[in-house]
Protein backbone atom coordinates (compact mmCIF):
# COMPACT_ATOMS: atom_id res chain seq x y z
CA MET A 1 164.15 119.58 96.93
CA ARG A 2 161.40 119.47 94.26
CA THR A 3 158.05 117.84 95.50
CA ILE A 4 156.43 115.41 93.19
CA PRO A 5 152.94 116.12 92.90
CA GLN A 6 150.64 113.26 94.00
CA PRO A 7 147.82 112.04 91.59
CA GLY A 8 144.43 112.73 92.34
CA PRO A 9 141.55 110.55 92.30
CA MET A 10 140.45 109.45 88.62
CA ARG A 11 137.39 111.30 87.98
CA GLY A 12 135.66 108.60 86.04
CA VAL A 13 136.50 105.92 88.65
CA VAL A 14 134.84 108.18 91.28
CA ARG A 15 131.87 108.59 89.42
CA THR A 16 131.38 105.10 88.67
CA LEU A 17 131.43 104.18 92.28
CA GLU A 18 129.07 106.99 93.17
CA VAL A 19 126.52 105.69 90.66
CA ILE A 20 126.80 102.07 91.86
CA ARG A 21 126.23 103.31 95.56
CA ALA A 22 123.33 105.70 94.63
CA LEU A 23 121.72 102.53 92.74
CA ASN A 24 122.21 100.29 95.60
CA ALA A 25 120.58 103.03 97.99
CA CYS A 26 117.71 103.23 95.80
CA SER A 27 117.17 99.96 94.55
CA GLY A 28 117.21 101.57 91.07
CA ALA A 29 116.55 104.97 89.96
CA ARG A 30 115.84 107.13 86.87
CA VAL A 31 118.82 109.38 85.59
CA SER A 32 117.13 112.38 86.93
CA GLU A 33 117.30 111.09 90.18
CA LEU A 34 120.62 109.92 90.01
CA ALA A 35 121.78 113.67 88.99
CA ARG A 36 120.16 114.91 92.07
CA GLN A 37 121.84 112.42 94.42
CA THR A 38 125.26 112.35 92.78
CA GLY A 39 125.69 115.73 91.19
CA ILE A 40 126.98 114.22 87.98
CA PRO A 41 125.75 115.81 84.94
CA ARG A 42 123.21 113.76 82.82
CA PRO A 43 125.66 113.17 79.67
CA SER A 44 128.36 111.69 82.15
CA LEU A 45 125.54 109.65 84.06
CA TYR A 46 124.44 108.02 80.82
CA ARG A 47 128.08 107.31 79.76
CA VAL A 48 128.66 105.50 83.07
CA LEU A 49 125.49 103.49 83.15
CA GLU A 50 125.98 102.42 79.33
CA THR A 51 129.65 101.23 80.51
CA LEU A 52 128.30 99.29 83.60
CA ALA A 53 125.31 97.83 81.40
CA ARG A 54 128.09 96.56 78.70
CA LEU A 55 130.01 94.94 82.01
CA GLY A 56 126.92 93.41 83.17
CA TYR A 57 126.83 95.39 86.28
CA VAL A 58 123.54 97.54 85.37
CA ARG A 59 120.37 96.59 83.57
CA ARG A 60 117.94 98.82 82.19
CA ARG A 61 114.21 98.26 82.93
CA ASP A 62 111.61 97.30 80.45
CA ASP A 63 110.24 100.74 80.89
CA GLY A 64 113.41 102.24 79.58
CA GLU A 65 113.46 104.86 82.44
CA ARG A 66 115.07 103.09 85.34
CA PHE A 67 118.33 101.16 86.22
CA ASP A 68 119.16 98.65 88.41
CA LEU A 69 122.10 96.93 89.52
CA THR A 70 122.60 93.25 88.54
CA PHE A 71 123.52 90.14 90.83
CA GLN A 72 127.09 90.28 89.33
CA VAL A 73 127.69 93.49 91.50
CA ARG A 74 127.69 91.37 94.70
CA ALA A 75 131.01 89.79 93.05
CA LEU A 76 132.78 93.25 93.82
CA SER A 77 132.22 92.86 97.62
CA ASP A 78 131.89 89.48 98.61
CA GLY A 79 135.67 88.58 97.82
CA PHE A 80 134.42 85.50 95.77
CA ARG A 81 132.63 84.78 92.80
CA ASP A 82 129.03 83.26 93.11
CA GLU A 83 130.10 80.26 90.65
CA ASP A 84 133.16 79.65 93.15
CA TRP A 85 131.03 79.26 96.41
CA VAL A 86 128.44 77.41 94.58
CA ARG A 87 130.90 74.64 93.47
CA SER A 88 133.54 74.69 96.65
CA THR A 89 131.01 75.26 99.36
CA ALA A 90 127.41 74.25 98.44
CA LEU A 91 127.82 71.47 95.76
CA PRO A 92 129.50 69.08 98.02
CA GLU A 93 126.49 69.33 100.47
CA LEU A 94 123.86 69.13 97.64
CA GLU A 95 125.65 65.86 96.49
CA ALA A 96 125.73 64.27 99.96
CA LEU A 97 121.82 65.20 100.04
CA GLN A 98 121.18 63.62 96.88
CA ARG A 99 122.79 60.40 97.90
CA GLU A 100 120.53 60.40 101.00
CA ILE A 101 117.21 60.98 99.60
CA VAL A 102 117.91 59.78 95.75
CA TRP A 103 115.78 62.36 94.37
CA PRO A 104 117.39 64.87 92.05
CA THR A 105 118.57 68.04 94.28
CA ASP A 106 119.33 71.76 92.91
CA ILE A 107 120.97 74.96 94.08
CA ALA A 108 119.45 78.35 92.43
CA THR A 109 120.35 81.87 92.75
CA PHE A 110 118.65 84.99 92.21
CA TYR A 111 119.57 87.29 89.13
CA ASP A 112 117.75 89.71 87.18
CA ASP A 113 114.17 89.07 88.55
CA ALA A 114 114.20 85.43 88.24
CA MET A 115 115.91 82.33 89.93
CA TYR A 116 118.62 80.47 87.94
CA LEU A 117 119.47 76.75 88.28
CA ARG A 118 123.43 76.94 89.35
CA GLU A 119 123.71 73.25 90.03
CA THR A 120 121.98 70.03 89.72
CA THR A 121 122.55 66.36 90.67
CA ARG A 122 120.19 65.23 88.11
CA ARG A 123 123.01 63.50 86.34
CA ASN A 124 123.31 61.22 89.49
CA SER A 125 119.64 60.56 90.38
CA PRO A 126 118.03 57.46 88.87
CA LEU A 127 114.65 59.51 89.39
CA THR A 128 115.18 62.03 87.15
CA ILE A 129 112.46 62.57 84.49
CA ASP A 130 112.94 66.31 83.34
CA THR A 131 115.30 68.13 81.59
CA ALA A 132 116.28 70.90 83.60
CA THR A 133 120.01 71.81 83.16
CA VAL A 134 122.36 74.29 84.70
CA GLY A 135 121.59 77.99 83.67
CA LEU A 136 117.72 77.30 83.46
CA ARG A 137 115.75 80.52 84.19
CA LEU A 138 112.98 79.75 86.80
CA PRO A 139 110.19 82.18 87.38
CA MET A 140 109.88 83.80 90.67
CA LEU A 141 106.21 82.95 91.31
CA GLN A 142 105.96 79.71 89.81
CA SER A 143 108.75 77.92 91.18
CA ALA A 144 109.64 76.55 94.33
CA THR A 145 112.96 78.40 94.76
CA GLY A 146 111.52 81.62 93.38
CA ARG A 147 108.65 81.33 96.20
CA ALA A 148 111.07 80.31 98.94
CA TYR A 149 113.45 83.53 98.06
CA LEU A 150 110.38 85.96 97.94
CA ALA A 151 109.22 84.88 101.11
CA PHE A 152 112.54 85.03 103.13
CA CYS A 153 114.60 87.86 101.35
CA PRO A 154 114.37 91.19 103.25
CA GLU A 155 111.19 93.21 102.89
CA ARG A 156 113.03 96.04 100.66
CA GLU A 157 114.27 93.66 98.30
CA ARG A 158 110.98 91.60 97.86
CA THR A 159 109.14 94.98 97.28
CA ALA A 160 111.53 95.84 94.39
CA ILE A 161 111.45 92.55 92.76
CA ILE A 162 107.66 92.50 92.92
CA GLU A 163 107.55 95.98 91.43
CA ASN A 164 110.03 94.96 88.76
CA LEU A 165 108.08 92.01 87.77
CA LYS A 166 104.86 93.93 87.48
CA THR A 167 106.66 95.34 84.23
CA SER A 168 107.80 92.06 83.03
CA ARG A 169 106.37 90.77 79.57
CA ASP A 170 106.95 87.30 80.36
CA ALA A 171 103.64 85.32 80.62
CA SER A 172 105.18 83.46 83.86
CA ASP A 173 105.39 86.67 85.68
CA LYS A 174 101.72 87.82 85.11
CA PRO A 175 100.37 86.52 88.57
CA VAL A 176 102.45 89.11 90.23
CA GLN A 177 99.60 91.49 89.12
CA ASP A 178 97.15 89.86 91.82
CA SER A 179 98.47 91.47 94.89
CA ARG A 180 96.15 89.07 97.19
CA TYR A 181 97.38 86.25 95.40
CA VAL A 182 101.12 87.12 95.96
CA GLY A 183 100.37 87.99 99.52
CA ASN A 184 98.59 84.59 100.42
CA LEU A 185 101.25 82.74 98.67
CA LEU A 186 104.32 84.41 100.37
CA ALA A 187 102.48 84.32 103.88
CA MET A 188 101.71 80.50 103.31
CA THR A 189 105.38 79.86 102.37
CA ARG A 190 106.88 81.81 105.57
CA ARG A 191 104.20 79.72 107.57
CA LYS A 192 105.29 76.36 105.95
CA GLY A 193 109.05 77.47 105.94
CA TYR A 194 109.61 76.27 102.51
CA GLY A 195 108.58 77.13 98.90
CA GLU A 196 106.58 74.57 96.95
CA ARG A 197 105.19 73.70 93.29
CA GLN A 198 103.18 70.80 91.91
CA GLY A 199 103.62 70.64 88.09
CA GLU A 200 103.43 74.27 86.87
CA ILE A 201 107.39 74.78 85.20
CA PHE A 202 107.32 70.90 84.56
CA PRO A 203 104.05 69.06 84.49
CA LYS A 204 105.21 65.71 85.57
CA THR A 205 107.38 67.04 88.77
CA GLY A 206 107.09 68.79 91.97
CA ALA A 207 109.65 70.63 94.38
CA ILE A 208 110.01 71.92 97.79
CA ALA A 209 112.76 74.64 98.45
CA VAL A 210 114.23 76.11 101.36
CA PRO A 211 116.45 79.53 101.48
CA VAL A 212 120.22 79.40 102.42
CA MET A 213 120.85 82.60 104.57
CA HIS A 214 124.11 84.62 104.60
CA GLY A 215 123.55 87.47 107.24
CA GLN A 216 120.09 88.92 106.25
CA ARG A 217 119.87 88.06 102.66
CA VAL A 218 119.00 85.16 100.76
CA ALA A 219 122.26 83.45 99.34
CA CYS A 220 120.61 80.75 97.34
CA CYS A 221 117.80 78.15 97.74
CA LEU A 222 118.15 74.53 97.79
CA ASN A 223 115.58 72.29 95.86
CA ILE A 224 114.21 68.78 95.85
CA SER A 225 112.55 67.71 92.75
CA TYR A 226 110.40 64.66 92.93
CA ILE A 227 107.84 62.78 90.61
CA ALA A 228 104.23 64.50 91.07
CA SER A 229 102.75 61.27 90.56
CA ALA A 230 104.49 59.74 93.54
CA LEU A 231 104.30 62.69 96.07
CA THR A 232 102.67 65.72 97.28
CA PRO A 233 104.54 68.85 98.33
CA ARG A 234 103.07 67.79 101.91
CA GLU A 235 104.24 64.13 101.82
CA ALA A 236 107.70 65.43 100.41
CA ALA A 237 108.04 67.87 103.18
CA ALA A 238 107.20 65.27 105.75
CA ARG A 239 110.06 63.10 104.43
CA TYR A 240 112.61 65.30 103.42
CA LEU A 241 112.31 68.66 104.58
CA SER A 242 114.39 68.10 107.71
CA SER A 243 117.13 66.84 105.62
CA LEU A 244 116.85 69.74 103.36
CA ARG A 245 117.18 72.11 106.22
CA ARG A 246 120.06 70.56 107.65
CA THR A 247 121.71 70.70 104.59
CA ALA A 248 120.82 74.65 104.23
CA ARG A 249 122.05 75.26 108.04
CA SER A 250 125.41 73.33 107.11
CA ILE A 251 126.21 75.50 103.77
CA GLU A 252 125.26 78.59 106.11
CA ALA A 253 127.89 77.70 108.63
CA LYS A 254 130.33 77.74 105.79
CA LEU A 255 129.32 80.67 104.16
CA SER A 256 129.79 82.51 107.59
CA ARG A 257 133.30 82.88 106.89
CA TYR A 258 132.70 85.40 104.05
CA PRO A 259 131.61 89.08 104.57
CA THR A 260 127.85 89.64 104.02
């Protein structure tokens, strides 16, 4: 009886997965480093990286030498898309929080060295005075959500983000060059247990934000925005931080059913 040969693994697929694993282990790498780690020839590596970049899974840093995985890679392992859990799991909690406190509430997630507004209840709040909409880019060091994310994400991730920000040409990222300022800011945020801003991105508003944890990583940050002339961050925290934290814990409990 003739034996039908079994197909071997597709080399392109194997190489792609090897590159993703190597980038994940290194938090970004040069092609020369990837070649040493994977044994894949450089011409093949460039083809894999260019394909992953076109698909949105890899980005090239501003220096043109190092490659990083993007937030989109999480969709390959989480078993659900980020947009799905934001809408199905977090948004109902966010809307309930807004009904309780009246001020606008937001969900922001990290992507490409910045926070992005994923959902907001501004349309439901009579106290909305800014123009923030879903998809807005929020700088890490000038937003309450960015400060909360940096303060509570794993140290290895925080170090990688800060190093990436140092190569940014965006004016909002310039404060990262002052290591003492960054260290003091993050220490204060951890001590208080929440990120805060007063003005900055939107001069007429302030905000406080807390992380929502999924295992050891920060899944997203919850944010309350208020009129800066009406409250200070300390006053906002005194009134609303317990509700904000309760909402974060509720979302964390629902996220616990998903793999980390």
